[in-house]
């Protein structure tokens, strides 16, 4: 579905998605890094558990919510991927004060 342009030479960044070591290009958003690595699901809905993933890629729709370094409700499209970042699928809604 997505593929990289072959004429770009950016440095790599290592991070973990659901505990699996993954790499991205420096400067990618978390959402772009996940899509480029073949991960299309970033969260599940609170009622039915339906899978959701990045949609608008500009911070409007909130479909790409993930946990980043233990913090829930982060918009993957609005956060730049960083070295050793821990990213996890978010299951359902996490209300303020309910963080793990």
N, C-alpha and C. Protein backbone atom coordinates (compact mmCIF):
# COMPACT_ATOMS: atom_id res chain seq x y z
N UNK A 1 0.82 -1.19 0.00
CA UNK A 1 0.00 0.00 0.00
C UNK A 1 0.87 1.25 0.00
N UNK A 2 1.82 1.35 0.94
CA UNK A 2 2.73 2.46 1.00
C UNK A 2 4.12 1.96 0.64
N UNK A 3 4.90 2.80 -0.02
CA UNK A 3 6.29 2.44 -0.28
C UNK A 3 7.12 3.70 -0.23
N UNK A 4 8.37 3.51 0.10
CA UNK A 4 9.30 4.62 0.23
C UNK A 4 9.82 5.06 -1.13
N UNK A 5 10.15 6.33 -1.24
CA UNK A 5 10.84 6.81 -2.42
C UNK A 5 12.28 6.32 -2.36
N UNK A 6 12.78 5.81 -3.44
CA UNK A 6 14.11 5.20 -3.43
C UNK A 6 15.24 6.22 -3.46
N UNK A 7 14.95 7.48 -3.73
CA UNK A 7 16.02 8.48 -3.83
C UNK A 7 16.32 9.18 -2.51
N UNK A 8 15.69 8.77 -1.43
CA UNK A 8 15.90 9.39 -0.13
C UNK A 8 16.91 8.60 0.68
N UNK A 9 17.76 9.29 1.42
CA UNK A 9 18.80 8.64 2.23
C UNK A 9 18.78 9.17 3.66
N UNK A 10 17.71 8.96 4.40
CA UNK A 10 17.63 9.39 5.79
C UNK A 10 18.23 8.33 6.70
N UNK A 11 18.58 8.76 7.92
CA UNK A 11 19.07 7.82 8.92
C UNK A 11 17.92 7.02 9.51
N UNK A 12 18.24 5.86 10.05
CA UNK A 12 17.23 4.99 10.66
C UNK A 12 17.09 5.27 12.15
N UNK A 13 15.90 5.01 12.66
CA UNK A 13 15.59 5.12 14.08
C UNK A 13 14.99 3.78 14.49
N UNK A 14 15.43 3.25 15.62
CA UNK A 14 14.89 1.98 16.13
C UNK A 14 13.87 2.25 17.22
N UNK A 15 12.75 1.52 17.16
CA UNK A 15 11.71 1.65 18.18
C UNK A 15 11.02 0.29 18.31
N UNK A 16 10.15 0.15 19.29
CA UNK A 16 9.41 -1.11 19.48
C UNK A 16 7.93 -0.85 19.29
N UNK A 17 7.27 -1.71 18.53
CA UNK A 17 5.82 -1.65 18.38
C UNK A 17 5.24 -2.94 18.92
N UNK A 18 4.46 -2.84 19.99
CA UNK A 18 3.92 -4.01 20.69
C UNK A 18 5.03 -4.99 21.04
N UNK A 19 6.17 -4.45 21.45
CA UNK A 19 7.30 -5.26 21.88
C UNK A 19 8.18 -5.79 20.77
N UNK A 20 7.83 -5.54 19.52
CA UNK A 20 8.60 -6.04 18.38
C UNK A 20 9.53 -4.93 17.89
N UNK A 21 10.84 -5.19 17.84
CA UNK A 21 11.77 -4.19 17.32
C UNK A 21 11.44 -3.82 15.88
N UNK A 22 11.43 -2.53 15.61
CA UNK A 22 11.04 -2.00 14.30
C UNK A 22 11.94 -0.81 13.99
N UNK A 23 12.10 -0.50 12.72
CA UNK A 23 12.89 0.67 12.35
C UNK A 23 12.05 1.62 11.50
N UNK A 24 12.43 2.87 11.55
CA UNK A 24 11.78 3.92 10.77
C UNK A 24 12.85 4.87 10.27
N UNK A 25 12.45 5.78 9.45
CA UNK A 25 13.36 6.83 9.01
C UNK A 25 13.25 8.02 9.94
N UNK A 26 14.39 8.60 10.26
CA UNK A 26 14.42 9.77 11.12
C UNK A 26 13.51 10.86 10.54
N UNK A 27 12.69 11.45 11.38
CA UNK A 27 11.78 12.50 10.95
C UNK A 27 10.38 12.03 10.63
N UNK A 28 10.17 10.70 10.53
CA UNK A 28 8.83 10.17 10.29
C UNK A 28 7.94 10.41 11.49
N UNK A 29 6.66 10.60 11.25
CA UNK A 29 5.71 10.57 12.36
C UNK A 29 5.57 9.10 12.78
N UNK A 30 5.06 8.88 13.98
CA UNK A 30 4.83 7.51 14.43
C UNK A 30 3.87 6.81 13.47
N UNK A 31 2.82 7.50 13.04
CA UNK A 31 1.85 6.90 12.12
C UNK A 31 2.50 6.50 10.81
N UNK A 32 3.32 7.38 10.23
CA UNK A 32 4.00 7.07 8.97
C UNK A 32 4.97 5.91 9.15
N UNK A 33 5.66 5.87 10.28
CA UNK A 33 6.60 4.78 10.56
C UNK A 33 5.87 3.45 10.66
N UNK A 34 4.73 3.44 11.35
CA UNK A 34 3.96 2.21 11.49
C UNK A 34 3.41 1.74 10.15
N UNK A 35 2.85 2.65 9.37
CA UNK A 35 2.33 2.28 8.06
C UNK A 35 3.44 1.76 7.15
N UNK A 36 4.59 2.41 7.16
CA UNK A 36 5.71 1.98 6.32
C UNK A 36 6.21 0.59 6.72
N UNK A 37 6.06 0.25 8.01
CA UNK A 37 6.48 -1.06 8.51
C UNK A 37 5.39 -2.12 8.34
N UNK A 38 4.24 -1.72 7.78
CA UNK A 38 3.17 -2.68 7.52
C UNK A 38 2.16 -2.84 8.64
N UNK A 39 2.22 -1.97 9.64
CA UNK A 39 1.27 -2.02 10.77
C UNK A 39 0.16 -1.02 10.52
N UNK A 40 -1.04 -1.50 10.24
CA UNK A 40 -2.16 -0.63 9.89
C UNK A 40 -3.11 -0.37 11.05
N UNK A 41 -3.00 -1.13 12.13
CA UNK A 41 -3.90 -0.98 13.27
C UNK A 41 -3.16 -0.27 14.39
N UNK A 42 -3.74 0.82 14.90
CA UNK A 42 -3.13 1.53 16.01
C UNK A 42 -3.98 1.49 17.27
N UNK A 43 -5.27 1.25 17.12
CA UNK A 43 -6.15 1.19 18.30
C UNK A 43 -7.36 0.33 18.00
N UNK A 44 -8.11 0.01 19.05
CA UNK A 44 -9.39 -0.69 18.93
C UNK A 44 -10.45 0.15 19.63
N UNK A 45 -11.66 0.14 19.07
CA UNK A 45 -12.73 0.96 19.64
C UNK A 45 -13.19 0.40 20.97
N UNK A 46 -13.68 1.27 21.88
CA UNK A 46 -14.07 0.81 23.21
C UNK A 46 -15.30 -0.08 23.24
N UNK A 47 -16.25 0.08 22.33
CA UNK A 47 -17.50 -0.68 22.39
C UNK A 47 -17.37 -2.02 21.68
N UNK A 48 -17.02 -2.01 20.40
CA UNK A 48 -17.00 -3.25 19.63
C UNK A 48 -15.61 -3.88 19.50
N UNK A 49 -14.58 -3.12 19.79
CA UNK A 49 -13.23 -3.64 19.62
C UNK A 49 -12.76 -3.61 18.17
N UNK A 50 -13.49 -2.87 17.32
CA UNK A 50 -13.11 -2.77 15.90
C UNK A 50 -11.75 -2.10 15.75
N UNK A 51 -10.98 -2.59 14.80
CA UNK A 51 -9.64 -2.05 14.55
C UNK A 51 -9.73 -0.70 13.85
N UNK A 52 -8.85 0.20 14.24
CA UNK A 52 -8.74 1.52 13.62
C UNK A 52 -7.27 1.78 13.32
N UNK A 53 -7.04 2.71 12.39
CA UNK A 53 -5.67 3.08 12.05
C UNK A 53 -5.60 4.50 11.55
N UNK A 54 -4.41 4.96 11.23
CA UNK A 54 -4.25 6.33 10.74
C UNK A 54 -5.17 6.60 9.55
N UNK A 55 -5.79 7.77 9.56
CA UNK A 55 -6.72 8.12 8.50
C UNK A 55 -6.35 9.48 7.88
N UNK A 56 -6.44 10.54 8.66
CA UNK A 56 -6.23 11.87 8.08
C UNK A 56 -4.76 12.27 8.03
N UNK A 57 -3.95 11.73 8.91
CA UNK A 57 -2.51 12.01 9.00
C UNK A 57 -2.20 13.48 9.30
N UNK A 58 -3.16 14.21 9.87
CA UNK A 58 -2.89 15.60 10.22
C UNK A 58 -3.53 16.02 11.55
N UNK A 59 -3.89 15.07 12.39
CA UNK A 59 -4.34 15.37 13.74
C UNK A 59 -5.79 15.75 13.92
N UNK A 60 -6.63 15.50 12.93
CA UNK A 60 -8.03 15.90 13.01
C UNK A 60 -8.93 14.76 13.50
N UNK A 61 -8.70 13.54 13.04
CA UNK A 61 -9.68 12.46 13.24
C UNK A 61 -9.50 11.62 14.51
N UNK A 62 -8.35 11.58 15.11
CA UNK A 62 -8.08 10.80 16.33
C UNK A 62 -8.21 9.29 16.13
N UNK A 63 -8.14 8.81 14.92
CA UNK A 63 -8.19 7.37 14.66
C UNK A 63 -6.87 6.67 14.97
N UNK A 64 -5.79 7.42 15.07
CA UNK A 64 -4.46 6.82 15.22
C UNK A 64 -3.94 6.84 16.66
N UNK A 65 -4.84 6.90 17.65
CA UNK A 65 -4.40 6.95 19.04
C UNK A 65 -3.61 5.70 19.41
N UNK A 66 -2.49 5.91 20.09
CA UNK A 66 -1.63 4.83 20.56
C UNK A 66 -1.10 5.17 21.95
N UNK A 67 -0.48 4.19 22.59
CA UNK A 67 0.28 4.43 23.81
C UNK A 67 1.72 4.61 23.39
N UNK A 68 2.34 5.68 23.84
CA UNK A 68 3.75 5.93 23.56
C UNK A 68 4.48 6.06 24.89
N UNK A 69 5.44 5.18 25.10
CA UNK A 69 6.21 5.16 26.36
C UNK A 69 5.29 5.16 27.57
N UNK A 70 4.20 4.38 27.49
CA UNK A 70 3.28 4.23 28.60
C UNK A 70 2.19 5.28 28.69
N UNK A 71 2.27 6.33 27.87
CA UNK A 71 1.24 7.39 27.89
C UNK A 71 0.18 7.10 26.84
N UNK A 72 -1.08 6.94 27.25
CA UNK A 72 -2.15 6.67 26.28
C UNK A 72 -2.63 7.92 25.57
N UNK A 73 -3.50 7.72 24.58
CA UNK A 73 -4.18 8.80 23.86
C UNK A 73 -3.25 9.73 23.10
N UNK A 74 -2.14 9.21 22.60
CA UNK A 74 -1.22 10.02 21.80
C UNK A 74 -1.59 9.86 20.34
N UNK A 75 -1.70 10.95 19.62
CA UNK A 75 -1.99 10.89 18.19
C UNK A 75 -0.71 10.54 17.45
N UNK A 76 -0.69 9.36 16.86
CA UNK A 76 0.52 8.87 16.19
C UNK A 76 0.95 9.76 15.04
N UNK A 77 0.01 10.43 14.40
CA UNK A 77 0.35 11.29 13.26
C UNK A 77 0.98 12.60 13.69
N UNK A 78 0.89 12.94 14.97
CA UNK A 78 1.39 14.23 15.45
C UNK A 78 2.67 14.10 16.26
N UNK A 79 3.20 12.89 16.41
CA UNK A 79 4.40 12.66 17.20
C UNK A 79 5.49 12.11 16.29
N UNK A 80 6.68 12.69 16.37
CA UNK A 80 7.82 12.21 15.58
C UNK A 80 8.43 11.00 16.27
N UNK A 81 8.66 9.95 15.51
CA UNK A 81 9.25 8.74 16.07
C UNK A 81 10.67 9.04 16.56
N UNK A 82 11.02 8.45 17.71
CA UNK A 82 12.33 8.69 18.33
C UNK A 82 13.00 7.38 18.68
N UNK A 83 14.30 7.42 18.80
CA UNK A 83 15.09 6.24 19.16
C UNK A 83 14.59 5.64 20.47
N UNK A 84 14.43 4.32 20.48
CA UNK A 84 14.02 3.53 21.65
C UNK A 84 12.61 3.84 22.16
N UNK A 85 11.78 4.45 21.34
CA UNK A 85 10.39 4.72 21.71
C UNK A 85 9.65 3.39 21.83
N UNK A 86 8.74 3.29 22.80
CA UNK A 86 7.90 2.11 22.98
C UNK A 86 6.47 2.48 22.61
N UNK A 87 5.96 1.88 21.55
CA UNK A 87 4.64 2.20 21.04
C UNK A 87 3.77 0.95 21.15
N UNK A 88 2.52 1.13 21.60
CA UNK A 88 1.61 0.00 21.74
C UNK A 88 0.24 0.36 21.19
N UNK A 89 -0.47 -0.66 20.69
CA UNK A 89 -1.87 -0.48 20.30
C UNK A 89 -2.65 -0.08 21.54
N UNK A 90 -3.57 0.83 21.38
CA UNK A 90 -4.43 1.25 22.48
C UNK A 90 -5.76 0.51 22.36
N UNK A 91 -6.14 -0.18 23.43
CA UNK A 91 -7.42 -0.89 23.45
C UNK A 91 -8.45 -0.06 24.19
N UNK A 92 -9.45 0.42 23.46
CA UNK A 92 -10.52 1.19 24.07
C UNK A 92 -10.10 2.59 24.46
N UNK A 93 -10.96 3.24 25.21
CA UNK A 93 -10.69 4.61 25.65
C UNK A 93 -9.94 4.58 26.97
N UNK A 94 -9.03 5.49 27.13
CA UNK A 94 -8.32 5.66 28.39
C UNK A 94 -8.64 7.07 28.88
N UNK A 95 -9.36 7.14 29.95
CA UNK A 95 -9.77 8.44 30.48
C UNK A 95 -8.67 8.97 31.40
N UNK A 96 -8.59 10.29 31.57
CA UNK A 96 -7.60 10.88 32.46
C UNK A 96 -7.73 10.26 33.86
N UNK A 97 -6.60 9.93 34.46
CA UNK A 97 -6.58 9.29 35.77
C UNK A 97 -6.62 7.78 35.73
N UNK A 98 -6.90 7.19 34.54
CA UNK A 98 -6.95 5.74 34.39
C UNK A 98 -5.66 5.18 33.80
N UNK A 99 -4.66 6.02 33.60
CA UNK A 99 -3.43 5.56 33.00
C UNK A 99 -2.84 4.43 33.83
N UNK A 100 -2.18 3.52 33.15
CA UNK A 100 -1.59 2.36 33.85
C UNK A 100 -0.34 2.73 34.56
